[in-house]
Amino acid sequence: MYVFVRPLCVESGVLYGRPFGAVAVLVNKKLQYCTEILCCAERFVIVSIGNVLVINVYLPSVGIVNRDCIIEDVLCEISDWIDKYNKHVIVIGGDFNTDSDMCNLSSDKIKPICERSSTVQV
C-alpha cells in the first residue's frame, strides 16, 4: 500500500484530455511513520522520508507564456527548501522540459541547483 501525495488543485473534479501538468509522489505505507509532506505546489511536491528529501518537479514546456519567470520562481522555492534541509540526501526528479546538455536559459537555471545539492543526472 502507498500514500499518494499531490497538490490539492487536482481535487477539483475529473480532468479530461491534458489540461495541465501536475506532480505526485507515492510513498510506501511502511515509510509513513518517517514521512513528512513539506510542500505541495502546482508544479512541485517536496516530501521528507527519513533523511531523504524527495522533490518531484514539472517545469513548463517551450511556448508557455512567462515560461522563464515560472521556472525561476519554482526553482527559487525549491532552492529555499534544499537550503532549509541541507543535511538531507536530495533526490530531484520529474519533467524539466529541457535538455540539460544544451546551453539555454532553462538548463542554465537548473544546473546550479543540481551542482549545489550534489545531484547526479540519470
N, C-alpha and C. Protein backbone atom coordinates (compact mmCIF):
# COMPACT_ATOMS: atom_id res chain seq x y z
N MET A 1 0.83 -1.18 0.00
CA MET A 1 0.00 0.00 0.00
C MET A 1 0.88 1.25 0.00
N TYR A 2 0.34 2.30 -0.63
CA TYR A 2 1.09 3.54 -0.77
C TYR A 2 0.26 4.73 -0.34
N VAL A 3 0.95 5.77 0.06
CA VAL A 3 0.33 7.06 0.35
C VAL A 3 0.57 7.92 -0.88
N PHE A 4 -0.47 8.57 -1.36
CA PHE A 4 -0.41 9.38 -2.58
C PHE A 4 -0.33 10.84 -2.18
N VAL A 5 0.76 11.51 -2.54
CA VAL A 5 0.97 12.92 -2.20
C VAL A 5 0.90 13.72 -3.49
N ARG A 6 -0.06 14.68 -3.56
CA ARG A 6 -0.21 15.51 -4.73
C ARG A 6 -0.86 16.83 -4.36
N PRO A 7 -0.74 17.84 -5.24
CA PRO A 7 -1.33 19.15 -4.94
C PRO A 7 -2.84 19.08 -4.84
N LEU A 8 -3.42 19.92 -3.98
CA LEU A 8 -4.87 19.96 -3.78
C LEU A 8 -5.62 20.46 -5.00
N CYS A 9 -4.99 21.23 -5.87
CA CYS A 9 -5.71 21.80 -7.00
C CYS A 9 -6.23 20.72 -7.95
N VAL A 10 -5.69 19.51 -7.86
CA VAL A 10 -6.12 18.42 -8.73
C VAL A 10 -7.44 17.84 -8.24
N GLU A 11 -7.86 18.15 -7.03
CA GLU A 11 -9.07 17.57 -6.47
C GLU A 11 -10.34 18.26 -6.95
N SER A 12 -10.25 19.11 -7.95
CA SER A 12 -11.41 19.88 -8.38
C SER A 12 -12.38 19.09 -9.25
N GLY A 13 -12.13 17.85 -9.50
CA GLY A 13 -13.04 17.03 -10.29
C GLY A 13 -12.30 16.24 -11.35
N VAL A 14 -13.06 15.59 -12.20
CA VAL A 14 -12.47 14.76 -13.25
C VAL A 14 -11.84 15.67 -14.30
N LEU A 15 -10.62 15.34 -14.67
CA LEU A 15 -9.92 16.11 -15.69
C LEU A 15 -9.89 15.30 -16.98
N TYR A 16 -10.22 15.93 -18.07
CA TYR A 16 -10.22 15.26 -19.37
C TYR A 16 -9.14 15.85 -20.24
N GLY A 17 -8.59 15.01 -21.13
CA GLY A 17 -7.53 15.50 -22.00
C GLY A 17 -6.27 15.72 -21.21
N ARG A 18 -5.57 16.78 -21.53
CA ARG A 18 -4.35 17.12 -20.82
C ARG A 18 -4.40 18.60 -20.46
N PRO A 19 -5.22 18.96 -19.48
CA PRO A 19 -5.44 20.38 -19.18
C PRO A 19 -4.21 21.08 -18.60
N PHE A 20 -3.42 20.40 -17.81
CA PHE A 20 -2.19 20.97 -17.26
C PHE A 20 -1.41 19.85 -16.60
N GLY A 21 -0.15 20.12 -16.35
CA GLY A 21 0.68 19.11 -15.69
C GLY A 21 0.50 19.18 -14.19
N ALA A 22 0.79 18.10 -13.56
CA ALA A 22 0.76 18.06 -12.10
C ALA A 22 1.79 17.03 -11.65
N VAL A 23 2.10 17.04 -10.40
CA VAL A 23 3.09 16.10 -9.88
C VAL A 23 2.52 15.36 -8.68
N ALA A 24 3.12 14.22 -8.41
CA ALA A 24 2.70 13.42 -7.26
C ALA A 24 3.88 12.57 -6.82
N VAL A 25 3.81 12.08 -5.60
CA VAL A 25 4.82 11.17 -5.06
C VAL A 25 4.07 10.04 -4.36
N LEU A 26 4.47 8.82 -4.65
CA LEU A 26 3.93 7.66 -3.95
C LEU A 26 4.93 7.23 -2.89
N VAL A 27 4.45 7.05 -1.67
CA VAL A 27 5.32 6.62 -0.58
C VAL A 27 4.73 5.34 0.01
N ASN A 28 5.55 4.33 0.14
CA ASN A 28 5.10 3.07 0.73
C ASN A 28 4.62 3.33 2.15
N LYS A 29 3.49 2.73 2.50
CA LYS A 29 2.92 2.95 3.84
C LYS A 29 3.85 2.52 4.96
N LYS A 30 4.77 1.61 4.67
CA LYS A 30 5.74 1.19 5.68
C LYS A 30 6.65 2.35 6.09
N LEU A 31 6.76 3.36 5.22
CA LEU A 31 7.61 4.52 5.50
C LEU A 31 6.80 5.72 5.99
N GLN A 32 5.52 5.53 6.18
CA GLN A 32 4.66 6.63 6.59
C GLN A 32 5.07 7.24 7.93
N TYR A 33 5.59 6.44 8.83
CA TYR A 33 5.98 6.95 10.16
C TYR A 33 7.12 7.97 10.08
N CYS A 34 7.93 7.89 9.02
CA CYS A 34 9.06 8.83 8.92
C CYS A 34 8.91 9.76 7.71
N THR A 35 7.66 9.90 7.22
CA THR A 35 7.39 10.73 6.05
C THR A 35 6.67 12.00 6.47
N GLU A 36 7.14 13.12 5.93
CA GLU A 36 6.51 14.40 6.19
C GLU A 36 6.34 15.14 4.86
N ILE A 37 5.12 15.57 4.58
CA ILE A 37 4.85 16.37 3.39
C ILE A 37 5.24 17.80 3.72
N LEU A 38 6.25 18.30 3.03
CA LEU A 38 6.75 19.64 3.33
C LEU A 38 6.08 20.70 2.48
N CYS A 39 5.85 20.39 1.20
CA CYS A 39 5.27 21.39 0.31
C CYS A 39 4.58 20.69 -0.87
N CYS A 40 3.35 21.09 -1.13
CA CYS A 40 2.61 20.64 -2.31
C CYS A 40 2.21 21.87 -3.10
N ALA A 41 2.84 22.08 -4.24
CA ALA A 41 2.51 23.21 -5.10
C ALA A 41 2.06 22.67 -6.46
N GLU A 42 1.59 23.55 -7.30
CA GLU A 42 1.10 23.11 -8.61
C GLU A 42 2.19 22.43 -9.43
N ARG A 43 3.41 22.92 -9.34
CA ARG A 43 4.48 22.40 -10.19
C ARG A 43 5.55 21.59 -9.46
N PHE A 44 5.42 21.41 -8.17
CA PHE A 44 6.37 20.56 -7.46
C PHE A 44 5.79 20.07 -6.15
N VAL A 45 6.33 18.95 -5.71
CA VAL A 45 5.98 18.35 -4.42
C VAL A 45 7.29 18.04 -3.72
N ILE A 46 7.37 18.34 -2.43
CA ILE A 46 8.57 18.04 -1.64
C ILE A 46 8.15 17.22 -0.44
N VAL A 47 8.77 16.05 -0.29
CA VAL A 47 8.46 15.13 0.79
C VAL A 47 9.76 14.73 1.47
N SER A 48 9.75 14.73 2.80
CA SER A 48 10.89 14.24 3.57
C SER A 48 10.57 12.82 4.01
N ILE A 49 11.45 11.89 3.65
CA ILE A 49 11.30 10.50 4.07
C ILE A 49 12.58 10.14 4.82
N GLY A 50 12.51 10.15 6.13
CA GLY A 50 13.72 9.96 6.94
C GLY A 50 14.67 11.10 6.67
N ASN A 51 15.90 10.77 6.24
CA ASN A 51 16.89 11.81 5.94
C ASN A 51 16.99 12.09 4.44
N VAL A 52 15.96 11.70 3.67
CA VAL A 52 15.96 11.91 2.23
C VAL A 52 14.88 12.94 1.88
N LEU A 53 15.27 13.94 1.12
CA LEU A 53 14.34 14.95 0.63
C LEU A 53 14.00 14.59 -0.81
N VAL A 54 12.75 14.21 -1.07
CA VAL A 54 12.31 13.83 -2.41
C VAL A 54 11.57 15.01 -3.02
N ILE A 55 12.06 15.46 -4.19
CA ILE A 55 11.46 16.60 -4.88
C ILE A 55 11.04 16.14 -6.27
N ASN A 56 9.75 16.28 -6.57
CA ASN A 56 9.23 15.95 -7.89
C ASN A 56 8.79 17.25 -8.54
N VAL A 57 9.31 17.53 -9.75
CA VAL A 57 9.12 18.81 -10.40
C VAL A 57 8.49 18.64 -11.78
N TYR A 58 7.63 19.57 -12.15
CA TYR A 58 7.12 19.65 -13.52
C TYR A 58 7.27 21.09 -13.97
N LEU A 59 8.28 21.33 -14.84
CA LEU A 59 8.51 22.68 -15.33
C LEU A 59 7.80 22.87 -16.66
N PRO A 60 7.44 24.12 -17.00
CA PRO A 60 6.68 24.37 -18.23
C PRO A 60 7.50 24.08 -19.49
N SER A 61 6.79 23.70 -20.52
CA SER A 61 7.44 23.40 -21.79
C SER A 61 7.61 24.67 -22.61
N VAL A 62 8.35 24.56 -23.70
CA VAL A 62 8.58 25.69 -24.60
C VAL A 62 7.23 26.17 -25.13
N GLY A 63 7.06 27.46 -25.22
CA GLY A 63 5.82 28.02 -25.76
C GLY A 63 4.85 28.47 -24.69
N ILE A 64 5.10 28.12 -23.43
CA ILE A 64 4.24 28.56 -22.34
C ILE A 64 4.55 30.04 -22.03
N VAL A 65 3.51 30.84 -21.93
CA VAL A 65 3.68 32.26 -21.61
C VAL A 65 4.37 32.39 -20.26
N ASN A 66 5.33 33.27 -20.16
CA ASN A 66 6.09 33.53 -18.93
C ASN A 66 6.87 32.31 -18.45
N ARG A 67 7.27 31.45 -19.35
CA ARG A 67 7.99 30.21 -19.00
C ARG A 67 9.20 30.49 -18.12
N ASP A 68 10.02 31.45 -18.53
CA ASP A 68 11.25 31.73 -17.77
C ASP A 68 10.94 32.22 -16.36
N CYS A 69 9.91 33.03 -16.21
CA CYS A 69 9.53 33.51 -14.87
C CYS A 69 9.02 32.36 -14.00
N ILE A 70 8.22 31.47 -14.60
CA ILE A 70 7.70 30.32 -13.86
C ILE A 70 8.85 29.43 -13.40
N ILE A 71 9.77 29.15 -14.32
CA ILE A 71 10.93 28.30 -13.98
C ILE A 71 11.73 28.93 -12.86
N GLU A 72 11.99 30.22 -12.98
CA GLU A 72 12.77 30.91 -11.95
C GLU A 72 12.07 30.86 -10.59
N ASP A 73 10.77 31.10 -10.58
CA ASP A 73 10.01 31.07 -9.32
C ASP A 73 10.02 29.68 -8.69
N VAL A 74 9.77 28.65 -9.50
CA VAL A 74 9.74 27.27 -9.00
C VAL A 74 11.11 26.89 -8.45
N LEU A 75 12.15 27.15 -9.21
CA LEU A 75 13.49 26.76 -8.78
C LEU A 75 13.95 27.56 -7.55
N CYS A 76 13.50 28.78 -7.43
CA CYS A 76 13.83 29.58 -6.24
C CYS A 76 13.18 28.97 -5.00
N GLU A 77 11.92 28.57 -5.11
CA GLU A 77 11.24 27.93 -3.98
C GLU A 77 11.91 26.61 -3.61
N ILE A 78 12.23 25.82 -4.62
CA ILE A 78 12.89 24.53 -4.38
C ILE A 78 14.25 24.76 -3.73
N SER A 79 14.98 25.74 -4.20
CA SER A 79 16.29 26.06 -3.64
C SER A 79 16.19 26.42 -2.16
N ASP A 80 15.15 27.16 -1.80
CA ASP A 80 14.94 27.51 -0.39
C ASP A 80 14.73 26.26 0.46
N TRP A 81 13.94 25.29 -0.04
CA TRP A 81 13.71 24.04 0.70
C TRP A 81 15.00 23.23 0.82
N ILE A 82 15.80 23.21 -0.24
CA ILE A 82 17.07 22.49 -0.20
C ILE A 82 17.99 23.12 0.84
N ASP A 83 18.02 24.45 0.89
CA ASP A 83 18.84 25.15 1.89
C ASP A 83 18.37 24.82 3.31
N LYS A 84 17.06 24.77 3.49
CA LYS A 84 16.49 24.50 4.81
C LYS A 84 16.78 23.07 5.26
N TYR A 85 16.82 22.13 4.34
CA TYR A 85 17.05 20.72 4.66
C TYR A 85 18.39 20.26 4.09
N ASN A 86 19.42 21.07 4.27
CA ASN A 86 20.73 20.80 3.67
C ASN A 86 21.46 19.58 4.23
N LYS A 87 21.00 19.04 5.33
CA LYS A 87 21.63 17.83 5.89
C LYS A 87 21.01 16.56 5.28
N HIS A 88 19.92 16.69 4.56
CA HIS A 88 19.25 15.55 3.93
C HIS A 88 19.94 15.16 2.62
N VAL A 89 19.76 13.92 2.24
CA VAL A 89 20.13 13.48 0.90
C VAL A 89 19.04 14.02 -0.02
N ILE A 90 19.43 14.64 -1.14
CA ILE A 90 18.46 15.28 -2.02
C ILE A 90 18.23 14.41 -3.25
N VAL A 91 16.96 14.11 -3.53
CA VAL A 91 16.58 13.38 -4.74
C VAL A 91 15.62 14.27 -5.51
N ILE A 92 16.04 14.70 -6.71
CA ILE A 92 15.20 15.56 -7.54
C ILE A 92 14.88 14.80 -8.82
N GLY A 93 13.60 14.76 -9.15
CA GLY A 93 13.19 14.11 -10.39
C GLY A 93 12.00 14.84 -10.97
N GLY A 94 11.56 14.39 -12.11
CA GLY A 94 10.39 14.98 -12.73
C GLY A 94 10.65 15.32 -14.18
N ASP A 95 9.84 16.21 -14.69
CA ASP A 95 9.94 16.65 -16.08
C ASP A 95 10.41 18.09 -16.10
N PHE A 96 11.69 18.27 -16.46
CA PHE A 96 12.26 19.61 -16.51
C PHE A 96 11.98 20.30 -17.84
N ASN A 97 11.49 19.55 -18.82
CA ASN A 97 11.17 20.08 -20.14
C ASN A 97 12.32 20.86 -20.77
N THR A 98 13.51 20.31 -20.61
CA THR A 98 14.68 20.91 -21.23
C THR A 98 15.75 19.84 -21.37
N ASP A 99 16.71 20.09 -22.22
CA ASP A 99 17.85 19.19 -22.38
C ASP A 99 19.00 19.79 -21.58
N SER A 100 19.37 19.11 -20.51
CA SER A 100 20.41 19.67 -19.61
C SER A 100 21.79 19.73 -20.26
N ASP A 101 21.96 19.03 -21.38
CA ASP A 101 23.24 19.10 -22.09
C ASP A 101 23.33 20.32 -23.00
N MET A 102 22.20 20.95 -23.25
CA MET A 102 22.16 22.13 -24.11
C MET A 102 22.42 23.39 -23.27
N CYS A 103 22.89 24.40 -23.93
CA CYS A 103 23.11 25.69 -23.27
C CYS A 103 21.90 26.56 -23.60
N ASN A 104 20.98 26.67 -22.65
CA ASN A 104 19.82 27.55 -22.81
C ASN A 104 19.42 28.08 -21.44
N LEU A 105 18.50 29.02 -21.44
CA LEU A 105 18.14 29.70 -20.20
C LEU A 105 17.61 28.74 -19.14
N SER A 106 16.77 27.78 -19.57
CA SER A 106 16.19 26.82 -18.61
C SER A 106 17.27 25.95 -17.98
N SER A 107 18.10 25.35 -18.81
CA SER A 107 19.17 24.48 -18.31
C SER A 107 20.13 25.26 -17.43
N ASP A 108 20.41 26.49 -17.81
CA ASP A 108 21.34 27.31 -17.03
C ASP A 108 20.79 27.61 -15.63
N LYS A 109 19.47 27.64 -15.48
CA LYS A 109 18.87 27.89 -14.16
C LYS A 109 18.80 26.60 -13.33
N ILE A 110 18.69 25.46 -13.99
CA ILE A 110 18.57 24.17 -13.30
C ILE A 110 19.93 23.68 -12.81
N LYS A 111 20.96 23.85 -13.61
CA LYS A 111 22.29 23.31 -13.29
C LYS A 111 22.84 23.73 -11.93
N PRO A 112 22.74 25.01 -11.55
CA PRO A 112 23.30 25.40 -10.23
C PRO A 112 22.65 24.67 -9.06
N ILE A 113 21.35 24.43 -9.13
CA ILE A 113 20.67 23.71 -8.04
C ILE A 113 21.19 22.29 -7.97
N CYS A 114 21.33 21.66 -9.14
CA CYS A 114 21.82 20.28 -9.17
C CYS A 114 23.27 20.20 -8.68
N GLU A 115 24.09 21.14 -9.07
CA GLU A 115 25.50 21.15 -8.65
C GLU A 115 25.63 21.40 -7.15
N ARG A 116 24.82 22.33 -6.63
CA ARG A 116 24.88 22.69 -5.22
C ARG A 116 24.45 21.55 -4.32
N SER A 117 23.48 20.77 -4.79
CA SER A 117 22.97 19.69 -3.95
C SER A 117 23.56 18.35 -4.33
N SER A 118 24.65 18.35 -5.08
CA SER A 118 25.39 17.13 -5.44
C SER A 118 24.48 16.08 -6.08
N THR A 119 23.60 16.52 -6.96
CA THR A 119 22.72 15.57 -7.63
C THR A 119 23.45 14.90 -8.79
N VAL A 120 22.95 13.77 -9.18
CA VAL A 120 23.51 13.01 -10.30
C VAL A 120 22.45 12.89 -11.36
N GLN A 121 22.81 13.22 -12.60
CA GLN A 121 21.85 13.14 -13.70
C GLN A 121 21.73 11.68 -14.14
N VAL A 122 20.49 11.21 -14.24
CA VAL A 122 20.24 9.84 -14.73
C VAL A 122 19.28 9.87 -15.89
